[in-house]
Protein backbone atom coordinates (compact mmCIF):
# COMPACT_ATOMS: atom_id res chain seq x y z
CA MET A 1 -0.08 0.10 -0.02
CA LEU A 2 1.64 3.06 -0.96
CA HIS A 3 0.84 6.08 0.79
CA GLU A 4 0.72 9.84 -0.72
CA THR A 5 0.01 13.65 -0.06
CA PHE A 6 -1.02 16.36 -2.85
CA THR A 7 -1.39 19.83 -2.20
CA MET A 8 -2.16 21.77 -5.35
CA GLY A 9 -3.49 25.60 -4.21
CA ARG A 10 -6.86 27.50 -6.36
CA HIS A 11 -7.72 26.66 -9.27
CA THR A 12 -11.16 27.25 -11.47
CA GLY A 13 -12.47 26.27 -14.47
CA VAL A 14 -10.72 26.64 -18.40
CA THR A 15 -13.87 27.13 -20.34
CA LEU A 16 -13.41 26.65 -24.55
CA GLU A 17 -14.93 29.05 -25.03
CA ALA A 18 -14.47 32.73 -24.62
CA ARG A 19 -15.84 34.66 -21.73
CA ALA A 20 -17.18 38.95 -22.50
CA ILE A 21 -18.80 41.52 -20.72
CA LEU A 22 -20.25 44.42 -22.67
CA ALA A 23 -21.96 46.93 -20.61
CA ASP A 24 -23.69 50.15 -21.99
CA PHE A 25 -24.16 52.54 -19.41
CA ASP A 26 -27.25 55.33 -20.04
CA PRO A 27 -26.33 58.36 -17.75
CA SER A 28 -30.15 60.21 -18.64
CA GLU A 29 -31.82 57.80 -18.08
CA ARG A 30 -29.58 56.43 -15.77
CA ARG A 31 -29.56 52.15 -16.76
CA LEU A 32 -27.10 49.53 -17.67
CA THR A 33 -27.16 47.49 -20.43
CA VAL A 34 -25.44 44.50 -20.18
CA TYR A 35 -23.99 41.07 -22.76
CA HIS A 36 -22.18 39.14 -20.40
CA SER A 37 -21.43 35.33 -21.19
CA PHE A 38 -22.70 33.92 -17.83
CA GLN A 39 -25.68 31.59 -16.76
CA ALA A 40 -27.79 32.62 -14.75
CA PRO A 41 -28.73 36.38 -15.94
CA ASN A 42 -31.26 37.36 -12.69
CA MET A 43 -28.04 36.75 -10.06
CA MET A 44 -25.88 38.34 -12.21
CA GLN A 45 -28.69 41.50 -12.65
CA ASP A 46 -29.15 41.17 -8.57
CA ILE A 47 -25.08 42.03 -8.29
CA LEU A 48 -24.98 44.17 -10.52
CA ALA A 49 -27.71 46.84 -9.46
CA ARG A 50 -26.05 46.63 -4.91
CA HIS A 51 -22.43 46.75 -7.35
CA LEU A 52 -23.36 50.38 -8.92
CA ASN A 53 -25.97 51.23 -6.87
CA LEU A 54 -28.69 51.09 -9.28
CA PRO A 55 -32.41 49.74 -9.14
CA GLU A 56 -32.44 46.66 -9.71
CA HIS A 57 -34.91 47.32 -12.64
CA ASP A 58 -33.12 49.48 -14.25
CA VAL A 59 -30.35 46.61 -14.69
CA ARG A 60 -30.61 44.74 -18.15
CA VAL A 61 -28.73 41.58 -18.20
CA ILE A 62 -28.39 40.39 -22.14
CA CYS A 63 -27.26 36.41 -22.19
CA LYS A 64 -27.04 34.31 -25.54
CA ASP A 65 -26.78 31.23 -26.06
CA VAL A 66 -23.75 30.09 -23.72
CA GLY A 67 -23.01 26.06 -24.41
CA GLY A 68 -23.29 23.72 -21.37
CA ALA A 69 -22.72 23.80 -17.86
CA SER A 70 -20.28 24.82 -16.11
CA GLU A 71 -20.02 25.86 -12.07
CA SER A 72 -16.92 28.54 -14.09
CA ARG A 73 -20.11 30.58 -15.91
CA CYS A 74 -22.56 30.00 -12.18
CA THR A 75 -19.96 32.27 -10.23
CA SER A 76 -19.94 36.27 -9.56
CA THR A 77 -15.93 37.54 -9.31
CA GLN A 78 -15.17 41.11 -9.22
CA THR A 79 -13.60 40.13 -13.10
CA ARG A 80 -16.95 40.01 -13.45
CA TRP A 81 -18.59 42.92 -13.29
CA ARG A 82 -15.24 45.37 -13.38
CA PRO A 83 -16.35 46.32 -16.85
CA ALA A 84 -20.16 47.74 -16.00
CA ARG A 85 -18.20 49.76 -12.88
CA SER A 86 -15.98 51.02 -15.88
CA ALA A 87 -18.96 51.88 -17.58
């Protein structure tokens, strides 16, 4: 019998598809439209509204077909909403 201990650092799933976020903020109406390669648009709408201090109904998240499910597309990290903050 052989016993070994393996240690690895933090890792994440890497999808074959490119990830992208396109955000457009209309300052006259204070409305944000986000095109996002994310599988949970309602969750992203809530997160963006909270982080950007906007009413949720003024944040529109559009997700086109993003393919199969994977954990890496159902999580929210700072890198996912940073472009919207910049808009």
